[in-house]
């Protein structure tokens, strides 16, 4: 059953919550670098430990994945995880 959509501020805690929700739903945090000129884009991924422990990785994740919190499945998972804390 879907929860009511919740808006999150992009605090560090909520960014980490978003990262865990994406991992739980998709199995990984992955993207392709479309900014490069390569014919076939390399697949990149981030781990939760990288996001937690490396400020530049946290900022990269925040800039690339903030819009994912508006996905209802991800938002529901964020709410579920928040209840466990």
C-alpha atoms as a PDB file:
ATOM      1  CA  UNK A   1       0.000   0.000   0.000  1.00  0.00           C
ATOM      2  CA  UNK A   2       1.441   3.367  -0.981  1.00  0.00           C
ATOM      3  CA  UNK A   3       1.948   5.965   1.717  1.00  0.00           C
ATOM      4  CA  UNK A   4       1.043   9.582   1.358  1.00  0.00           C
ATOM      5  CA  UNK A   5       3.846  11.352  -0.521  1.00  0.00           C
ATOM      6  CA  UNK A   6       6.264  13.105   1.836  1.00  0.00           C
ATOM      7  CA  UNK A   7       8.531  16.020   0.943  1.00  0.00           C
ATOM      8  CA  UNK A   8      12.055  15.782   2.330  1.00  0.00           C
ATOM      9  CA  UNK A   9      14.577  18.571   2.841  1.00  0.00           C
ATOM     10  CA  UNK A  10      18.014  17.644   1.520  1.00  0.00           C
ATOM     11  CA  UNK A  11      19.757  17.325   4.870  1.00  0.00           C
ATOM     12  CA  UNK A  12      22.677  14.893   5.142  1.00  0.00           C
ATOM     13  CA  UNK A  13      20.419  12.445   7.018  1.00  0.00           C
ATOM     14  CA  UNK A  14      17.791  12.556   4.270  1.00  0.00           C
ATOM     15  CA  UNK A  15      20.389  12.243   1.496  1.00  0.00           C
ATOM     16  CA  UNK A  16      21.652   9.049   3.163  1.00  0.00           C
ATOM     17  CA  UNK A  17      18.056   7.871   3.580  1.00  0.00           C
ATOM     18  CA  UNK A  18      17.513   8.460  -0.154  1.00  0.00           C
ATOM     19  CA  UNK A  19      20.699   6.536  -0.992  1.00  0.00           C
ATOM     20  CA  UNK A  20      19.600   3.549   1.108  1.00  0.00           C
ATOM     21  CA  UNK A  21      16.115   3.641  -0.430  1.00  0.00           C
ATOM     22  CA  UNK A  22      17.554   3.598  -3.969  1.00  0.00           C
ATOM     23  CA  UNK A  23      19.811   0.659  -3.059  1.00  0.00           C
ATOM     24  CA  UNK A  24      16.885  -1.228  -1.498  1.00  0.00           C
ATOM     25  CA  UNK A  25      14.629  -0.665  -4.521  1.00  0.00           C
ATOM     26  CA  UNK A  26      17.176  -0.931  -7.373  1.00  0.00           C
ATOM     27  CA  UNK A  27      19.957  -3.006  -5.829  1.00  0.00           C
ATOM     28  CA  UNK A  28      22.553  -0.300  -6.549  1.00  0.00           C
ATOM     29  CA  UNK A  29      23.118   3.380  -7.237  1.00  0.00           C
ATOM     30  CA  UNK A  30      24.128   3.476 -10.892  1.00  0.00           C
ATOM     31  CA  UNK A  31      24.232   6.008 -13.693  1.00  0.00           C
ATOM     32  CA  UNK A  32      25.830   6.570 -17.079  1.00  0.00           C
ATOM     33  CA  UNK A  33      28.054   9.560 -17.740  1.00  0.00           C
ATOM     34  CA  UNK A  34      26.391  11.234 -20.703  1.00  0.00           C
ATOM     35  CA  UNK A  35      28.707  14.241 -20.381  1.00  0.00           C
ATOM     36  CA  UNK A  36      31.592  12.326 -21.950  1.00  0.00           C
ATOM     37  CA  UNK A  37      32.087  12.079 -25.697  1.00  0.00           C
ATOM     38  CA  UNK A  38      32.425   8.289 -25.705  1.00  0.00           C
ATOM     39  CA  UNK A  39      30.184   6.293 -28.044  1.00  0.00           C
ATOM     40  CA  UNK A  40      29.330   3.863 -25.249  1.00  0.00           C
ATOM     41  CA  UNK A  41      28.897   5.456 -21.851  1.00  0.00           C
ATOM     42  CA  UNK A  42      30.625   3.891 -18.871  1.00  0.00           C
ATOM     43  CA  UNK A  43      28.362   2.697 -16.098  1.00  0.00           C
ATOM     44  CA  UNK A  44      29.256   4.229 -12.744  1.00  0.00           C
ATOM     45  CA  UNK A  45      28.033   3.342  -9.287  1.00  0.00           C
ATOM     46  CA  UNK A  46      28.289   4.573  -5.733  1.00  0.00           C
ATOM     47  CA  UNK A  47      28.170   2.606  -2.508  1.00  0.00           C
ATOM     48  CA  UNK A  48      26.513   3.810   0.670  1.00  0.00           C
ATOM     49  CA  UNK A  49      29.928   3.820   2.408  1.00  0.00           C
ATOM     50  CA  UNK A  50      31.373   6.104  -0.289  1.00  0.00           C
ATOM     51  CA  UNK A  51      28.461   8.495   0.101  1.00  0.00           C
ATOM     52  CA  UNK A  52      28.764   8.488   3.905  1.00  0.00           C
ATOM     53  CA  UNK A  53      32.526   8.865   4.125  1.00  0.00           C
ATOM     54  CA  UNK A  54      33.582  10.994   1.151  1.00  0.00           C
ATOM     55  CA  UNK A  55      32.138  14.520   0.942  1.00  0.00           C
ATOM     56  CA  UNK A  56      32.704  14.772  -2.823  1.00  0.00           C
ATOM     57  CA  UNK A  57      30.740  11.539  -3.381  1.00  0.00           C
ATOM     58  CA  UNK A  58      27.922  12.813  -1.146  1.00  0.00           C
ATOM     59  CA  UNK A  59      27.722  15.998  -3.222  1.00  0.00           C
ATOM     60  CA  UNK A  60      27.827  14.065  -6.512  1.00  0.00           C
ATOM     61  CA  UNK A  61      25.009  11.823  -5.300  1.00  0.00           C
ATOM     62  CA  UNK A  62      23.005  14.817  -4.059  1.00  0.00           C
ATOM     63  CA  UNK A  63      23.356  16.653  -7.379  1.00  0.00           C
ATOM     64  CA  UNK A  64      22.542  13.621  -9.520  1.00  0.00           C
ATOM     65  CA  UNK A  65      19.849  11.808  -7.547  1.00  0.00           C
ATOM     66  CA  UNK A  66      17.814  14.382  -5.589  1.00  0.00           C
ATOM     67  CA  UNK A  67      15.002  14.154  -8.141  1.00  0.00           C
ATOM     68  CA  UNK A  68      14.619  10.421  -7.371  1.00  0.00           C
ATOM     69  CA  UNK A  69      12.929  11.250  -4.068  1.00  0.00           C
ATOM     70  CA  UNK A  70       9.909  12.301  -6.159  1.00  0.00           C
ATOM     71  CA  UNK A  71       9.524   8.710  -7.418  1.00  0.00           C
ATOM     72  CA  UNK A  72       6.651   7.293  -5.368  1.00  0.00           C
ATOM     73  CA  UNK A  73       8.311   3.874  -4.883  1.00  0.00           C
ATOM     74  CA  UNK A  74      11.524   5.506  -3.622  1.00  0.00           C
ATOM     75  CA  UNK A  75       9.540   7.947  -1.473  1.00  0.00           C
ATOM     76  CA  UNK A  76       7.574   5.075   0.088  1.00  0.00           C
ATOM     77  CA  UNK A  77      10.831   3.233   0.814  1.00  0.00           C
ATOM     78  CA  UNK A  78      12.327   6.382   2.389  1.00  0.00           C
ATOM     79  CA  UNK A  79       9.297   6.613   4.687  1.00  0.00           C
ATOM     80  CA  UNK A  80       9.573   2.934   5.591  1.00  0.00           C
ATOM     81  CA  UNK A  81      13.281   3.308   6.413  1.00  0.00           C
ATOM     82  CA  UNK A  82      12.609   6.444   8.434  1.00  0.00           C
ATOM     83  CA  UNK A  83      10.152   4.521  10.615  1.00  0.00           C
ATOM     84  CA  UNK A  84      12.887   1.932  11.368  1.00  0.00           C
ATOM     85  CA  UNK A  85      15.310   4.560  12.691  1.00  0.00           C
END
